[in-house]
Amino acid sequence: MARRQRGQTPGPGHNSAGAGQESETPDENPLTKTEFARLLKDSVDQIESLLAERKQVNDLIADVYTMAKSHGLDTKAIRKIISIRAADKSRGRDAREAEEATILNYMNSLGMLG
């Protein structure tokens, strides 16, 4: 079964009802019961497969942190660097630097900087 890309419209049988709208039931769906059951099974199977992949990736990431820590690296600092790099990619470096400047100003106002 092909993966649906982000932003792509869900296929038939998808419950995309908004607030105040009634959701579709299998009887109101244009799919036959057999087609609906197959689509449902394929969707559940795909989600379970992706969850298993995510667990494997999370285990690998944990192994990297363990290895880094065993070599004397500060894993909190590594996590913070990863968070900063992700923020730079999503919001931009200028936005992050402006936020950091504001935090430093606030800390200075509270007497936290020396």
N, C-alpha and C. Protein backbone atom coordinates (compact mmCIF):
# COMPACT_ATOMS: atom_id res chain seq x y z
N MET A 1 0.85 -1.17 0.00
CA MET A 1 0.00 0.00 0.00
C MET A 1 0.89 1.23 0.00
N ALA A 2 0.63 2.17 -0.85
CA ALA A 2 1.44 3.37 -0.98
C ALA A 2 1.19 4.30 0.20
N ARG A 3 2.24 4.97 0.65
CA ARG A 3 2.10 5.93 1.75
C ARG A 3 1.48 7.21 1.25
N ARG A 4 0.63 7.79 2.08
CA ARG A 4 0.05 9.09 1.77
C ARG A 4 1.04 10.14 2.24
N GLN A 5 1.36 11.08 1.36
CA GLN A 5 2.28 12.15 1.68
C GLN A 5 1.56 13.23 2.48
N ARG A 6 2.31 14.00 3.28
CA ARG A 6 1.71 15.09 4.03
C ARG A 6 1.04 16.06 3.07
N GLY A 7 -0.12 16.53 3.48
CA GLY A 7 -0.85 17.48 2.66
C GLY A 7 -1.72 16.83 1.60
N GLN A 8 -1.58 15.53 1.41
CA GLN A 8 -2.35 14.83 0.39
C GLN A 8 -3.72 14.50 0.98
N THR A 9 -4.75 14.59 0.17
CA THR A 9 -6.11 14.32 0.62
C THR A 9 -6.26 12.85 0.96
N PRO A 10 -6.87 12.54 2.12
CA PRO A 10 -7.08 11.15 2.48
C PRO A 10 -8.03 10.46 1.51
N GLY A 11 -7.91 9.17 1.42
CA GLY A 11 -8.73 8.40 0.50
C GLY A 11 -10.12 8.14 1.05
N PRO A 12 -10.91 7.39 0.32
CA PRO A 12 -12.28 7.08 0.73
C PRO A 12 -12.29 6.35 2.07
N GLY A 13 -13.33 6.61 2.85
CA GLY A 13 -13.45 5.94 4.13
C GLY A 13 -12.73 6.66 5.24
N HIS A 14 -12.00 7.73 4.91
CA HIS A 14 -11.27 8.49 5.93
C HIS A 14 -12.26 9.37 6.66
N ASN A 15 -12.19 9.35 7.97
CA ASN A 15 -13.06 10.19 8.77
C ASN A 15 -12.43 11.55 8.90
N SER A 16 -12.78 12.47 8.01
CA SER A 16 -12.23 13.81 8.04
C SER A 16 -13.28 14.83 8.44
N ALA A 17 -14.30 14.37 9.15
CA ALA A 17 -15.38 15.27 9.56
C ALA A 17 -14.84 16.27 10.56
N GLY A 18 -15.24 17.51 10.41
CA GLY A 18 -14.83 18.56 11.33
C GLY A 18 -15.81 18.66 12.48
N ALA A 19 -15.60 19.66 13.32
CA ALA A 19 -16.48 19.86 14.47
C ALA A 19 -17.90 20.10 13.99
N GLY A 20 -18.84 19.42 14.61
CA GLY A 20 -20.24 19.62 14.25
C GLY A 20 -20.69 18.78 13.07
N GLN A 21 -19.78 18.08 12.42
CA GLN A 21 -20.15 17.24 11.29
C GLN A 21 -20.19 15.80 11.76
N GLU A 22 -21.08 15.03 11.18
CA GLU A 22 -21.12 13.62 11.52
C GLU A 22 -20.08 12.87 10.72
N SER A 23 -19.48 11.87 11.34
CA SER A 23 -18.49 11.07 10.64
C SER A 23 -19.18 10.01 9.80
N GLU A 24 -18.44 9.55 8.80
CA GLU A 24 -18.99 8.51 7.93
C GLU A 24 -18.93 7.17 8.65
N THR A 25 -19.91 6.36 8.42
CA THR A 25 -19.88 4.99 8.89
C THR A 25 -19.68 4.12 7.67
N PRO A 26 -19.30 2.87 7.87
CA PRO A 26 -19.11 1.99 6.71
C PRO A 26 -20.33 1.92 5.81
N ASP A 27 -21.56 2.04 6.38
CA ASP A 27 -22.78 1.96 5.57
C ASP A 27 -22.94 3.17 4.66
N GLU A 28 -22.44 4.36 5.07
CA GLU A 28 -22.57 5.57 4.28
C GLU A 28 -21.41 5.72 3.29
N ASN A 29 -20.40 4.91 3.43
CA ASN A 29 -19.20 4.98 2.63
C ASN A 29 -19.45 4.39 1.25
N PRO A 30 -18.87 5.01 0.21
CA PRO A 30 -19.07 4.45 -1.13
C PRO A 30 -18.35 3.12 -1.36
N LEU A 31 -17.50 2.71 -0.44
CA LEU A 31 -16.80 1.43 -0.57
C LEU A 31 -17.73 0.28 -0.18
N THR A 32 -17.48 -0.87 -0.76
CA THR A 32 -18.21 -2.05 -0.32
C THR A 32 -17.66 -2.45 1.05
N LYS A 33 -18.39 -3.29 1.77
CA LYS A 33 -17.91 -3.73 3.08
C LYS A 33 -16.57 -4.44 2.98
N THR A 34 -16.39 -5.22 1.92
CA THR A 34 -15.13 -5.92 1.70
C THR A 34 -13.99 -4.93 1.45
N GLU A 35 -14.26 -3.94 0.61
CA GLU A 35 -13.24 -2.93 0.32
C GLU A 35 -12.92 -2.12 1.58
N PHE A 36 -13.96 -1.78 2.33
CA PHE A 36 -13.77 -1.04 3.57
C PHE A 36 -12.91 -1.84 4.55
N ALA A 37 -13.22 -3.09 4.72
CA ALA A 37 -12.47 -3.96 5.63
C ALA A 37 -11.01 -4.07 5.21
N ARG A 38 -10.79 -4.21 3.91
CA ARG A 38 -9.41 -4.31 3.38
C ARG A 38 -8.66 -3.01 3.61
N LEU A 39 -9.30 -1.88 3.34
CA LEU A 39 -8.67 -0.58 3.55
C LEU A 39 -8.34 -0.38 5.03
N LEU A 40 -9.27 -0.75 5.90
CA LEU A 40 -9.05 -0.64 7.33
C LEU A 40 -7.89 -1.51 7.78
N LYS A 41 -7.86 -2.77 7.33
CA LYS A 41 -6.78 -3.69 7.69
C LYS A 41 -5.45 -3.17 7.18
N ASP A 42 -5.40 -2.71 5.93
CA ASP A 42 -4.15 -2.17 5.37
C ASP A 42 -3.67 -0.95 6.16
N SER A 43 -4.61 -0.09 6.55
CA SER A 43 -4.24 1.10 7.32
C SER A 43 -3.67 0.72 8.67
N VAL A 44 -4.33 -0.20 9.36
CA VAL A 44 -3.85 -0.65 10.67
C VAL A 44 -2.48 -1.32 10.53
N ASP A 45 -2.32 -2.17 9.54
CA ASP A 45 -1.03 -2.83 9.31
C ASP A 45 0.08 -1.82 9.04
N GLN A 46 -0.22 -0.82 8.23
CA GLN A 46 0.79 0.18 7.90
C GLN A 46 1.18 0.98 9.14
N ILE A 47 0.20 1.38 9.94
CA ILE A 47 0.50 2.13 11.16
C ILE A 47 1.34 1.29 12.11
N GLU A 48 0.99 0.03 12.27
CA GLU A 48 1.76 -0.85 13.15
C GLU A 48 3.19 -1.01 12.65
N SER A 49 3.36 -1.11 11.35
CA SER A 49 4.69 -1.22 10.77
C SER A 49 5.51 0.05 11.02
N LEU A 50 4.88 1.20 10.84
CA LEU A 50 5.57 2.47 11.07
C LEU A 50 5.93 2.64 12.54
N LEU A 51 5.05 2.22 13.44
CA LEU A 51 5.35 2.29 14.86
C LEU A 51 6.55 1.39 15.21
N ALA A 52 6.62 0.22 14.59
CA ALA A 52 7.76 -0.67 14.83
C ALA A 52 9.05 -0.04 14.31
N GLU A 53 8.97 0.59 13.13
CA GLU A 53 10.15 1.28 12.59
C GLU A 53 10.57 2.42 13.50
N ARG A 54 9.59 3.17 14.02
CA ARG A 54 9.91 4.29 14.91
C ARG A 54 10.61 3.77 16.17
N LYS A 55 10.14 2.63 16.71
CA LYS A 55 10.77 2.06 17.90
C LYS A 55 12.22 1.67 17.59
N GLN A 56 12.45 1.09 16.42
CA GLN A 56 13.82 0.72 16.04
C GLN A 56 14.71 1.95 15.93
N VAL A 57 14.20 3.01 15.32
CA VAL A 57 14.98 4.25 15.19
C VAL A 57 15.24 4.84 16.57
N ASN A 58 14.22 4.86 17.43
CA ASN A 58 14.41 5.39 18.79
C ASN A 58 15.45 4.58 19.56
N ASP A 59 15.46 3.27 19.37
CA ASP A 59 16.46 2.42 20.02
C ASP A 59 17.86 2.75 19.51
N LEU A 60 17.99 2.98 18.21
CA LEU A 60 19.29 3.34 17.63
C LEU A 60 19.77 4.70 18.17
N ILE A 61 18.86 5.64 18.28
CA ILE A 61 19.22 6.96 18.82
C ILE A 61 19.68 6.81 20.27
N ALA A 62 18.97 6.01 21.04
CA ALA A 62 19.36 5.78 22.44
C ALA A 62 20.75 5.16 22.51
N ASP A 63 21.06 4.26 21.59
CA ASP A 63 22.40 3.65 21.55
C ASP A 63 23.47 4.70 21.27
N VAL A 64 23.19 5.65 20.39
CA VAL A 64 24.15 6.70 20.06
C VAL A 64 24.39 7.58 21.29
N TYR A 65 23.32 7.93 22.00
CA TYR A 65 23.48 8.72 23.23
C TYR A 65 24.29 7.96 24.27
N THR A 66 24.04 6.67 24.41
CA THR A 66 24.79 5.84 25.36
C THR A 66 26.27 5.81 25.00
N MET A 67 26.54 5.64 23.71
CA MET A 67 27.93 5.63 23.25
C MET A 67 28.59 6.99 23.51
N ALA A 68 27.89 8.07 23.21
CA ALA A 68 28.44 9.41 23.42
C ALA A 68 28.74 9.63 24.90
N LYS A 69 27.81 9.22 25.76
CA LYS A 69 28.01 9.38 27.20
C LYS A 69 29.20 8.55 27.68
N SER A 70 29.36 7.35 27.14
CA SER A 70 30.48 6.49 27.55
C SER A 70 31.82 7.08 27.15
N HIS A 71 31.82 7.99 26.19
CA HIS A 71 33.05 8.66 25.76
C HIS A 71 33.21 10.03 26.43
N GLY A 72 32.38 10.29 27.42
CA GLY A 72 32.51 11.51 28.20
C GLY A 72 31.78 12.72 27.65
N LEU A 73 30.94 12.55 26.64
CA LEU A 73 30.19 13.67 26.10
C LEU A 73 28.97 13.95 26.95
N ASP A 74 28.56 15.21 27.03
CA ASP A 74 27.40 15.63 27.79
C ASP A 74 26.17 15.47 26.90
N THR A 75 25.33 14.48 27.23
CA THR A 75 24.18 14.19 26.37
C THR A 75 23.11 15.28 26.46
N LYS A 76 23.02 15.98 27.59
CA LYS A 76 22.07 17.10 27.67
C LYS A 76 22.47 18.19 26.68
N ALA A 77 23.77 18.45 26.58
CA ALA A 77 24.26 19.46 25.64
C ALA A 77 24.01 19.01 24.20
N ILE A 78 24.21 17.73 23.94
CA ILE A 78 23.96 17.20 22.59
C ILE A 78 22.48 17.35 22.23
N ARG A 79 21.61 17.02 23.16
CA ARG A 79 20.17 17.16 22.92
C ARG A 79 19.80 18.62 22.65
N LYS A 80 20.40 19.55 23.41
CA LYS A 80 20.13 20.96 23.21
C LYS A 80 20.61 21.42 21.84
N ILE A 81 21.79 20.97 21.43
CA ILE A 81 22.33 21.32 20.10
C ILE A 81 21.39 20.81 19.01
N ILE A 82 20.91 19.60 19.16
CA ILE A 82 19.98 19.03 18.17
C ILE A 82 18.70 19.86 18.12
N SER A 83 18.21 20.27 19.29
CA SER A 83 17.01 21.10 19.36
C SER A 83 17.24 22.45 18.68
N ILE A 84 18.40 23.06 18.93
CA ILE A 84 18.73 24.34 18.31
C ILE A 84 18.82 24.21 16.80
N ARG A 85 19.48 23.17 16.34
CA ARG A 85 19.60 22.98 14.89
C ARG A 85 18.24 22.77 14.23
N ALA A 86 17.35 22.04 14.91
CA ALA A 86 16.00 21.83 14.37
C ALA A 86 15.25 23.16 14.31
N ALA A 87 15.41 23.99 15.36
CA ALA A 87 14.74 25.30 15.37
C ALA A 87 15.28 26.18 14.24
N ASP A 88 16.58 26.13 14.02
CA ASP A 88 17.17 26.92 12.94
C ASP A 88 16.59 26.51 11.59
N LYS A 89 16.38 25.21 11.41
CA LYS A 89 15.83 24.73 10.14
C LYS A 89 14.38 25.16 9.97
N SER A 90 13.61 25.16 11.06
CA SER A 90 12.18 25.47 10.92
C SER A 90 11.88 26.96 11.00
N ARG A 91 12.52 27.68 11.92
CA ARG A 91 12.21 29.11 12.10
C ARG A 91 13.27 30.03 11.53
N GLY A 92 14.48 29.53 11.42
CA GLY A 92 15.57 30.36 10.95
C GLY A 92 16.48 30.78 12.09
N ARG A 93 17.73 30.96 11.75
CA ARG A 93 18.74 31.30 12.75
C ARG A 93 18.47 32.67 13.38
N ASP A 94 18.03 33.64 12.59
CA ASP A 94 17.77 34.98 13.12
C ASP A 94 16.70 34.96 14.21
N ALA A 95 15.65 34.18 14.01
CA ALA A 95 14.58 34.08 15.01
C ALA A 95 15.12 33.46 16.30
N ARG A 96 15.94 32.43 16.16
CA ARG A 96 16.52 31.79 17.35
C ARG A 96 17.43 32.76 18.08
N GLU A 97 18.27 33.49 17.35
CA GLU A 97 19.19 34.43 17.99
C GLU A 97 18.44 35.57 18.68
N ALA A 98 17.33 36.02 18.10
CA ALA A 98 16.52 37.06 18.74
C ALA A 98 15.91 36.52 20.04
N GLU A 99 15.44 35.29 20.02
CA GLU A 99 14.89 34.68 21.23
C GLU A 99 15.96 34.54 22.31
N GLU A 100 17.16 34.11 21.92
CA GLU A 100 18.25 33.98 22.88
C GLU A 100 18.64 35.33 23.48
N ALA A 101 18.64 36.39 22.67
CA ALA A 101 18.95 37.74 23.16
C ALA A 101 17.91 38.19 24.18
N THR A 102 16.65 37.91 23.91
CA THR A 102 15.59 38.27 24.84
C THR A 102 15.77 37.53 26.16
N ILE A 103 16.07 36.24 26.08
CA ILE A 103 16.28 35.44 27.30
C ILE A 103 17.45 36.00 28.11
N LEU A 104 18.55 36.33 27.43
CA LEU A 104 19.70 36.91 28.14
C LEU A 104 19.33 38.24 28.80
N ASN A 105 18.56 39.08 28.11
CA ASN A 105 18.12 40.35 28.70
C ASN A 105 17.27 40.09 29.95
N TYR A 106 16.37 39.15 29.88
CA TYR A 106 15.51 38.84 31.03
C TYR A 106 16.36 38.30 32.18
N MET A 107 17.27 37.39 31.88
CA MET A 107 18.14 36.84 32.91
C MET A 107 18.97 37.94 33.57
N ASN A 108 19.47 38.87 32.78
CA ASN A 108 20.25 39.99 33.31
C ASN A 108 19.37 40.85 34.22
N SER A 109 18.14 41.09 33.81
CA SER A 109 17.20 41.89 34.62
C SER A 109 16.90 41.21 35.96
N LEU A 110 16.94 39.89 35.98
CA LEU A 110 16.67 39.14 37.20
C LEU A 110 17.94 38.91 38.03
N GLY A 111 19.07 39.44 37.56
CA GLY A 111 20.33 39.27 38.29
C GLY A 111 20.93 37.89 38.19
N MET A 112 20.62 37.19 37.14
CA MET A 112 21.08 35.81 36.97
C MET A 112 22.41 35.71 36.23
N LEU A 113 22.95 36.83 35.75
CA LEU A 113 24.17 36.78 34.93
C LEU A 113 25.37 37.41 35.62
N GLY A 114 25.53 37.19 36.86
CA GLY A 114 26.76 37.64 37.50
C GLY A 114 26.68 38.71 38.44
